[in-house]
């Protein structure tokens, strides 16, 4: 009786374990990034308060003109909204990179997100560096290429 030959993974058990852990940590960091990226809601609130007149502004000892107050309010709303949008986008990409790491897909995207994670000190820096180290191993590159159906260079 012959036993069927199962395809073997080109990755060692250690590399598979590292990719699984990195995937989990990417999900955790994505959640933290999303949480902290909502802090600029305070700025949006200040901008809305300035526009609605709930927050009186003074300039040079006197009341600020309505144009200055509107400009102040819109600047706070715009900057806060841009910061929130960028933070949530980065968090989304981190979560997606965690999924791609678990499935061994989209090697380049995982590399880019790992490099971007290095900006988020200290946790993102540690996670980004470890992710880069694992992703640049020849066996890992080959497994991502095999999973994507491309040829490793």
N, C-alpha and C. Protein backbone atom coordinates (compact mmCIF):
# COMPACT_ATOMS: atom_id res chain seq x y z
N UNK A 1 0.83 -1.16 0.00
CA UNK A 1 0.00 0.00 0.00
C UNK A 1 0.89 1.25 0.00
N UNK A 2 0.62 2.17 -0.87
CA UNK A 2 1.42 3.39 -0.95
C UNK A 2 0.66 4.54 -0.29
N UNK A 3 1.40 5.39 0.34
CA UNK A 3 0.78 6.57 0.95
C UNK A 3 0.95 7.75 0.01
N UNK A 4 -0.07 8.60 -0.06
CA UNK A 4 0.05 9.74 -0.95
C UNK A 4 1.12 10.70 -0.46
N UNK A 5 1.79 11.31 -1.39
CA UNK A 5 2.83 12.29 -1.06
C UNK A 5 2.16 13.65 -0.94
N UNK A 6 2.28 14.22 0.23
CA UNK A 6 1.71 15.54 0.47
C UNK A 6 2.72 16.61 0.10
N UNK A 7 2.25 17.71 -0.50
CA UNK A 7 3.21 18.77 -0.81
C UNK A 7 3.75 19.38 0.47
N UNK A 8 5.03 19.59 0.49
CA UNK A 8 5.65 20.17 1.68
C UNK A 8 5.81 21.66 1.48
N UNK A 9 5.71 22.35 2.57
CA UNK A 9 5.88 23.80 2.54
C UNK A 9 7.37 24.11 2.45
N UNK A 10 7.76 25.10 1.65
CA UNK A 10 9.17 25.44 1.58
C UNK A 10 9.67 26.12 2.85
N UNK A 11 8.74 26.44 3.75
CA UNK A 11 9.13 27.12 4.98
C UNK A 11 9.39 26.13 6.10
N UNK A 12 10.33 26.48 6.94
CA UNK A 12 10.56 25.68 8.13
C UNK A 12 9.45 25.99 9.14
N UNK A 13 9.36 25.17 10.15
CA UNK A 13 8.36 25.38 11.19
C UNK A 13 8.61 26.71 11.90
N UNK A 14 9.87 27.06 12.05
CA UNK A 14 10.24 28.32 12.71
C UNK A 14 9.76 29.52 11.88
N UNK A 15 9.98 29.50 10.57
CA UNK A 15 9.53 30.60 9.72
C UNK A 15 8.01 30.72 9.72
N UNK A 16 7.33 29.59 9.67
CA UNK A 16 5.87 29.61 9.70
C UNK A 16 5.37 30.19 11.01
N UNK A 17 6.02 29.82 12.10
CA UNK A 17 5.66 30.35 13.42
C UNK A 17 5.91 31.86 13.48
N UNK A 18 7.03 32.30 12.93
CA UNK A 18 7.34 33.73 12.93
C UNK A 18 6.32 34.52 12.14
N UNK A 19 5.93 34.01 10.98
CA UNK A 19 4.93 34.70 10.16
C UNK A 19 3.58 34.76 10.87
N UNK A 20 3.23 33.70 11.57
CA UNK A 20 1.95 33.69 12.30
C UNK A 20 1.98 34.72 13.44
N UNK A 21 3.08 34.77 14.18
CA UNK A 21 3.20 35.75 15.26
C UNK A 21 3.22 37.18 14.73
N UNK A 22 3.95 37.40 13.64
CA UNK A 22 3.98 38.73 13.04
C UNK A 22 2.59 39.15 12.58
N UNK A 23 1.83 38.21 12.06
CA UNK A 23 0.47 38.50 11.63
C UNK A 23 -0.37 38.96 12.82
N UNK A 24 -0.29 38.25 13.92
CA UNK A 24 -1.05 38.62 15.13
C UNK A 24 -0.63 40.00 15.62
N UNK A 25 0.67 40.25 15.66
CA UNK A 25 1.16 41.55 16.14
C UNK A 25 0.76 42.68 15.21
N UNK A 26 0.65 42.40 13.91
CA UNK A 26 0.17 43.43 12.98
C UNK A 26 -1.28 43.79 13.29
N UNK A 27 -2.10 42.79 13.62
CA UNK A 27 -3.48 43.06 13.99
C UNK A 27 -3.55 43.92 15.26
N UNK A 28 -2.72 43.58 16.24
CA UNK A 28 -2.71 44.33 17.50
C UNK A 28 -2.26 45.77 17.26
N UNK A 29 -1.18 45.94 16.50
CA UNK A 29 -0.70 47.29 16.23
C UNK A 29 -1.70 48.08 15.38
N UNK A 30 -2.41 47.41 14.49
CA UNK A 30 -3.44 48.09 13.70
C UNK A 30 -4.54 48.61 14.61
N UNK A 31 -4.94 47.83 15.59
CA UNK A 31 -5.95 48.28 16.54
C UNK A 31 -5.49 49.47 17.37
N UNK A 32 -4.25 49.41 17.85
CA UNK A 32 -3.71 50.53 18.61
C UNK A 32 -3.57 51.78 17.75
N UNK A 33 -3.14 51.60 16.51
CA UNK A 33 -3.00 52.73 15.59
C UNK A 33 -4.35 53.36 15.32
N UNK A 34 -5.37 52.54 15.12
CA UNK A 34 -6.71 53.07 14.88
C UNK A 34 -7.21 53.83 16.11
N UNK A 35 -6.96 53.30 17.29
CA UNK A 35 -7.38 53.98 18.51
C UNK A 35 -6.69 55.34 18.66
N UNK A 36 -5.37 55.35 18.50
CA UNK A 36 -4.63 56.60 18.68
C UNK A 36 -4.87 57.59 17.54
N UNK A 37 -5.27 57.09 16.39
CA UNK A 37 -5.53 58.02 15.29
C UNK A 37 -6.85 58.76 15.48
N UNK A 38 -7.64 58.37 16.45
CA UNK A 38 -8.88 59.09 16.74
C UNK A 38 -8.68 60.25 17.73
N UNK A 39 -7.49 60.40 18.27
CA UNK A 39 -7.23 61.51 19.18
C UNK A 39 -7.46 62.89 18.54
N UNK A 40 -7.15 63.07 17.25
CA UNK A 40 -7.42 64.39 16.66
C UNK A 40 -8.90 64.74 16.57
N UNK A 41 -9.80 63.86 17.03
CA UNK A 41 -11.20 64.24 17.13
C UNK A 41 -11.36 65.45 18.06
N UNK A 42 -10.43 65.60 18.99
CA UNK A 42 -10.43 66.77 19.87
C UNK A 42 -10.27 68.04 19.03
N UNK A 43 -9.38 68.02 18.05
CA UNK A 43 -9.17 69.18 17.19
C UNK A 43 -10.41 69.47 16.34
N UNK A 44 -11.03 68.41 15.85
CA UNK A 44 -12.25 68.58 15.06
C UNK A 44 -13.33 69.20 15.94
N UNK A 45 -13.43 68.75 17.17
CA UNK A 45 -14.40 69.32 18.11
C UNK A 45 -14.14 70.78 18.39
N UNK A 46 -12.87 71.15 18.56
CA UNK A 46 -12.53 72.56 18.78
C UNK A 46 -12.89 73.39 17.55
N UNK A 47 -12.63 72.85 16.38
CA UNK A 47 -12.98 73.56 15.14
C UNK A 47 -14.48 73.76 15.01
N UNK A 48 -15.25 72.73 15.34
CA UNK A 48 -16.71 72.85 15.29
C UNK A 48 -17.20 73.86 16.32
N UNK A 49 -16.59 73.85 17.49
CA UNK A 49 -16.98 74.82 18.53
C UNK A 49 -16.67 76.25 18.09
N UNK A 50 -15.55 76.43 17.41
CA UNK A 50 -15.20 77.78 16.93
C UNK A 50 -16.18 78.23 15.84
N UNK A 51 -16.57 77.31 14.95
CA UNK A 51 -17.51 77.67 13.89
C UNK A 51 -18.91 77.95 14.43
N UNK A 52 -19.32 77.22 15.44
CA UNK A 52 -20.67 77.40 15.97
C UNK A 52 -20.78 78.58 16.91
N UNK A 53 -19.65 79.14 17.33
CA UNK A 53 -19.66 80.28 18.24
C UNK A 53 -19.66 79.86 19.70
N UNK A 54 -19.58 78.59 19.98
CA UNK A 54 -19.56 78.10 21.36
C UNK A 54 -18.24 78.41 22.05
N UNK A 55 -17.22 78.71 21.28
CA UNK A 55 -15.90 79.01 21.83
C UNK A 55 -15.48 80.40 21.35
N UNK A 56 -15.63 81.41 22.20
CA UNK A 56 -15.23 82.76 21.77
C UNK A 56 -13.71 82.87 21.66
N UNK A 57 -13.25 83.52 20.62
CA UNK A 57 -11.82 83.71 20.40
C UNK A 57 -11.47 85.18 20.58
N UNK A 58 -10.27 85.41 21.09
CA UNK A 58 -9.79 86.78 21.26
C UNK A 58 -8.49 86.94 20.51
N UNK A 59 -8.31 88.13 19.93
CA UNK A 59 -7.10 88.43 19.20
C UNK A 59 -6.57 89.78 19.64
N UNK A 60 -5.35 89.83 20.13
CA UNK A 60 -4.70 91.07 20.58
C UNK A 60 -5.54 91.79 21.62
N UNK A 61 -6.07 91.04 22.58
CA UNK A 61 -6.82 91.66 23.66
C UNK A 61 -8.27 91.94 23.35
N UNK A 62 -8.69 91.84 22.10
CA UNK A 62 -10.08 92.08 21.74
C UNK A 62 -10.66 90.84 21.09
N UNK A 63 -11.94 90.91 20.80
CA UNK A 63 -12.61 89.78 20.17
C UNK A 63 -12.13 89.62 18.74
N UNK A 64 -11.96 88.39 18.31
CA UNK A 64 -11.52 88.10 16.95
C UNK A 64 -12.67 88.35 15.99
N UNK A 65 -12.33 88.72 14.77
CA UNK A 65 -13.36 88.95 13.77
C UNK A 65 -14.01 87.62 13.38
N UNK A 66 -15.24 87.67 12.85
CA UNK A 66 -15.89 86.42 12.44
C UNK A 66 -15.11 85.66 11.37
N UNK A 67 -14.41 86.40 10.47
CA UNK A 67 -13.61 85.73 9.45
C UNK A 67 -12.45 84.96 10.06
N UNK A 68 -11.80 85.57 11.05
CA UNK A 68 -10.69 84.88 11.72
C UNK A 68 -11.19 83.65 12.46
N UNK A 69 -12.34 83.77 13.10
CA UNK A 69 -12.90 82.64 13.84
C UNK A 69 -13.25 81.49 12.89
N UNK A 70 -13.87 81.82 11.74
CA UNK A 70 -14.21 80.78 10.77
C UNK A 70 -12.95 80.11 10.23
N UNK A 71 -11.93 80.92 9.91
CA UNK A 71 -10.67 80.37 9.40
C UNK A 71 -10.04 79.43 10.43
N UNK A 72 -10.02 79.88 11.68
CA UNK A 72 -9.48 79.05 12.77
C UNK A 72 -10.24 77.73 12.85
N UNK A 73 -11.55 77.79 12.82
CA UNK A 73 -12.38 76.59 12.92
C UNK A 73 -12.14 75.63 11.76
N UNK A 74 -12.10 76.15 10.54
CA UNK A 74 -11.89 75.29 9.38
C UNK A 74 -10.49 74.69 9.34
N UNK A 75 -9.50 75.44 9.79
CA UNK A 75 -8.13 74.89 9.83
C UNK A 75 -8.07 73.73 10.82
N UNK A 76 -8.69 73.90 11.99
CA UNK A 76 -8.67 72.82 12.98
C UNK A 76 -9.43 71.60 12.46
N UNK A 77 -10.56 71.81 11.82
CA UNK A 77 -11.33 70.68 11.28
C UNK A 77 -10.54 69.98 10.17
N UNK A 78 -9.93 70.74 9.28
CA UNK A 78 -9.19 70.14 8.16
C UNK A 78 -7.99 69.35 8.64
N UNK A 79 -7.19 69.94 9.51
CA UNK A 79 -5.98 69.24 9.98
C UNK A 79 -6.36 68.00 10.80
N UNK A 80 -7.34 68.13 11.68
CA UNK A 80 -7.79 66.97 12.46
C UNK A 80 -8.32 65.86 11.58
N UNK A 81 -9.11 66.23 10.57
CA UNK A 81 -9.68 65.22 9.67
C UNK A 81 -8.60 64.52 8.85
N UNK A 82 -7.62 65.27 8.39
CA UNK A 82 -6.53 64.66 7.61
C UNK A 82 -5.73 63.70 8.48
N UNK A 83 -5.45 64.08 9.72
CA UNK A 83 -4.70 63.20 10.62
C UNK A 83 -5.49 61.92 10.91
N UNK A 84 -6.79 62.05 11.13
CA UNK A 84 -7.62 60.88 11.38
C UNK A 84 -7.64 59.97 10.16
N UNK A 85 -7.83 60.55 8.99
CA UNK A 85 -7.88 59.76 7.75
C UNK A 85 -6.57 59.01 7.51
N UNK A 86 -5.45 59.70 7.68
CA UNK A 86 -4.15 59.05 7.48
C UNK A 86 -3.92 57.93 8.50
N UNK A 87 -4.26 58.18 9.76
CA UNK A 87 -4.07 57.16 10.79
C UNK A 87 -4.93 55.93 10.57
N UNK A 88 -6.20 56.15 10.20
CA UNK A 88 -7.08 55.00 9.96
C UNK A 88 -6.68 54.24 8.70
N UNK A 89 -6.17 54.96 7.71
CA UNK A 89 -5.69 54.29 6.50
C UNK A 89 -4.48 53.41 6.81
N UNK A 90 -3.55 53.95 7.59
CA UNK A 90 -2.38 53.15 7.99
C UNK A 90 -2.81 51.94 8.82
N UNK A 91 -3.77 52.13 9.71
CA UNK A 91 -4.26 51.00 10.51
C UNK A 91 -4.89 49.94 9.62
N UNK A 92 -5.63 50.38 8.62
CA UNK A 92 -6.23 49.42 7.69
C UNK A 92 -5.20 48.63 6.92
N UNK A 93 -4.17 49.33 6.46
CA UNK A 93 -3.09 48.64 5.74
C UNK A 93 -2.34 47.68 6.65
N UNK A 94 -2.17 48.04 7.92
CA UNK A 94 -1.49 47.13 8.85
C UNK A 94 -2.31 45.86 9.07
N UNK A 95 -3.61 46.03 9.23
CA UNK A 95 -4.47 44.86 9.41
C UNK A 95 -4.45 43.98 8.16
N UNK A 96 -4.48 44.61 6.99
CA UNK A 96 -4.44 43.84 5.75
C UNK A 96 -3.09 43.14 5.58
N UNK A 97 -2.01 43.81 5.98
CA UNK A 97 -0.69 43.18 5.91
C UNK A 97 -0.62 41.99 6.87
N UNK A 98 -1.27 42.10 8.02
CA UNK A 98 -1.33 40.95 8.93
C UNK A 98 -2.02 39.77 8.29
N UNK A 99 -3.09 40.04 7.57
CA UNK A 99 -3.79 38.97 6.86
C UNK A 99 -2.90 38.38 5.75
N UNK A 100 -2.22 39.25 5.03
CA UNK A 100 -1.34 38.78 3.95
C UNK A 100 -0.17 37.98 4.50
N UNK A 101 0.35 38.35 5.66
CA UNK A 101 1.43 37.59 6.27
C UNK A 101 0.96 36.19 6.64
N UNK A 102 -0.24 36.09 7.17
CA UNK A 102 -0.77 34.78 7.55
C UNK A 102 -1.00 33.90 6.34
N UNK A 103 -1.37 34.49 5.22
CA UNK A 103 -1.64 33.72 4.00
C UNK A 103 -0.44 33.64 3.06
N UNK A 104 0.65 34.28 3.43
CA UNK A 104 1.87 34.34 2.61
C UNK A 104 1.57 34.88 1.22
N UNK A 105 0.97 36.04 1.18
CA UNK A 105 0.62 36.71 -0.07
C UNK A 105 1.15 38.14 -0.02
N UNK A 106 1.31 38.74 -1.19
CA UNK A 106 1.65 40.15 -1.35
C UNK A 106 2.89 40.57 -0.55
N UNK A 107 4.00 40.00 -0.93
CA UNK A 107 5.27 40.22 -0.24
C UNK A 107 5.66 41.70 -0.25
N UNK A 108 5.52 42.35 -1.39
CA UNK A 108 5.92 43.76 -1.48
C UNK A 108 5.07 44.64 -0.58
N UNK A 109 3.77 44.40 -0.53
CA UNK A 109 2.90 45.17 0.35
C UNK A 109 3.31 44.99 1.80
N UNK A 110 3.62 43.76 2.18
CA UNK A 110 4.05 43.49 3.55
C UNK A 110 5.35 44.21 3.88
N UNK A 111 6.26 44.26 2.92
CA UNK A 111 7.52 44.99 3.12
C UNK A 111 7.27 46.49 3.30
N UNK A 112 6.41 47.05 2.48
CA UNK A 112 6.13 48.49 2.56
C UNK A 112 5.45 48.83 3.88
N UNK A 113 4.48 48.03 4.29
CA UNK A 113 3.79 48.29 5.55
C UNK A 113 4.75 48.12 6.73
N UNK A 114 5.64 47.15 6.65
CA UNK A 114 6.63 46.98 7.72
C UNK A 114 7.54 48.20 7.81
N UNK A 115 7.92 48.75 6.67
CA UNK A 115 8.74 49.95 6.68
C UNK A 115 7.97 51.14 7.25
N UNK A 116 6.69 51.26 6.91
CA UNK A 116 5.87 52.35 7.44
C UNK A 116 5.63 52.18 8.95
N UNK A 117 5.53 50.94 9.40
CA UNK A 117 5.32 50.68 10.82
C UNK A 117 6.50 51.16 11.65
N UNK A 118 7.66 51.24 11.04
CA UNK A 118 8.85 51.71 11.77
C UNK A 118 8.70 53.15 12.25
N UNK A 119 7.77 53.90 11.66
CA UNK A 119 7.54 55.28 12.09
C UNK A 119 6.85 55.34 13.45
N UNK A 120 6.14 54.31 13.83
CA UNK A 120 5.33 54.32 15.05
C UNK A 120 6.16 53.80 16.22
N UNK A 121 6.93 54.69 16.81
CA UNK A 121 7.82 54.27 17.89
C UNK A 121 7.05 54.08 19.18
N UNK A 122 7.44 53.19 20.02
CA UNK A 122 8.47 52.18 19.93
C UNK A 122 7.95 50.84 19.38
N UNK A 123 6.65 50.56 19.56
CA UNK A 123 6.14 49.24 19.17
C UNK A 123 6.22 49.00 17.66
N UNK A 124 5.86 50.00 16.88
CA UNK A 124 5.89 49.84 15.43
C UNK A 124 7.30 49.65 14.91
N UNK A 125 8.25 50.31 15.53
CA UNK A 125 9.64 50.17 15.10
C UNK A 125 10.12 48.73 15.32
N UNK A 126 9.82 48.20 16.48
CA UNK A 126 10.23 46.82 16.79
C UNK A 126 9.55 45.85 15.83
N UNK A 127 8.24 46.00 15.67
CA UNK A 127 7.50 45.11 14.78
C UNK A 127 7.96 45.25 13.34
N UNK A 128 8.18 46.48 12.89
CA UNK A 128 8.63 46.70 11.52
C UNK A 128 9.99 46.08 11.24
N UNK A 129 10.91 46.25 12.16
CA UNK A 129 12.26 45.70 11.96
C UNK A 129 12.22 44.17 11.94
N UNK A 130 11.50 43.57 12.89
CA UNK A 130 11.41 42.11 12.91
C UNK A 130 10.70 41.58 11.67
N UNK A 131 9.68 42.30 11.21
CA UNK A 131 8.98 41.88 10.00
C UNK A 131 9.90 41.94 8.80
N UNK A 132 10.67 43.00 8.70
CA UNK A 132 11.63 43.12 7.58
C UNK A 132 12.66 42.01 7.62
N UNK A 133 13.15 41.69 8.81
CA UNK A 133 14.15 40.62 8.93
C UNK A 133 13.58 39.29 8.45
N UNK A 134 12.35 38.98 8.88
CA UNK A 134 11.74 37.71 8.48
C UNK A 134 11.40 37.71 6.99
N UNK A 135 10.85 38.80 6.50
CA UNK A 135 10.42 38.84 5.10
C UNK A 135 11.58 38.82 4.10
N UNK A 136 12.77 39.18 4.53
CA UNK A 136 13.91 39.20 3.62
C UNK A 136 14.70 37.89 3.61
N UNK A 137 14.26 36.91 4.39
CA UNK A 137 14.89 35.59 4.34
C UNK A 137 14.56 34.95 2.99
N UNK A 138 15.55 34.32 2.36
CA UNK A 138 15.31 33.72 1.03
C UNK A 138 14.18 32.69 1.02
N UNK A 139 14.06 31.89 2.08
CA UNK A 139 13.00 30.88 2.12
C UNK A 139 11.62 31.53 2.16
N UNK A 140 11.51 32.63 2.91
CA UNK A 140 10.23 33.32 3.03
C UNK A 140 9.87 33.99 1.70
N UNK A 141 10.86 34.60 1.06
CA UNK A 141 10.61 35.21 -0.26
C UNK A 141 10.13 34.15 -1.24
N UNK A 142 10.76 32.98 -1.21
CA UNK A 142 10.37 31.90 -2.11
C UNK A 142 8.96 31.40 -1.81
N UNK A 143 8.60 31.34 -0.53
CA UNK A 143 7.25 30.85 -0.19
C UNK A 143 6.19 31.85 -0.61
N UNK A 144 6.47 33.14 -0.47
CA UNK A 144 5.53 34.16 -0.92
C UNK A 144 5.39 34.10 -2.45
N UNK A 145 6.51 33.90 -3.13
CA UNK A 145 6.48 33.82 -4.59
C UNK A 145 5.69 32.61 -5.04
N UNK A 146 5.88 31.48 -4.35
CA UNK A 146 5.17 30.26 -4.71
C UNK A 146 3.67 30.44 -4.44
N UNK A 147 3.32 31.10 -3.36
CA UNK A 147 1.92 31.31 -3.02
C UNK A 147 1.25 32.27 -3.99
N UNK A 148 1.99 33.27 -4.46
CA UNK A 148 1.45 34.24 -5.41
C UNK A 148 1.48 33.73 -6.85
N UNK A 149 2.21 32.65 -7.07
CA UNK A 149 2.32 32.11 -8.43
C UNK A 149 3.34 32.84 -9.28
N UNK A 150 4.28 33.52 -8.64
CA UNK A 150 5.33 34.23 -9.38
C UNK A 150 6.65 33.52 -9.17
N UNK A 151 7.62 33.90 -9.95
CA UNK A 151 8.94 33.30 -9.84
C UNK A 151 9.83 34.20 -8.97
N UNK A 152 10.47 33.60 -7.98
CA UNK A 152 11.35 34.37 -7.11
C UNK A 152 12.61 34.75 -7.86
N UNK A 153 13.02 35.99 -7.70
CA UNK A 153 14.23 36.45 -8.40
C UNK A 153 15.45 36.27 -7.54
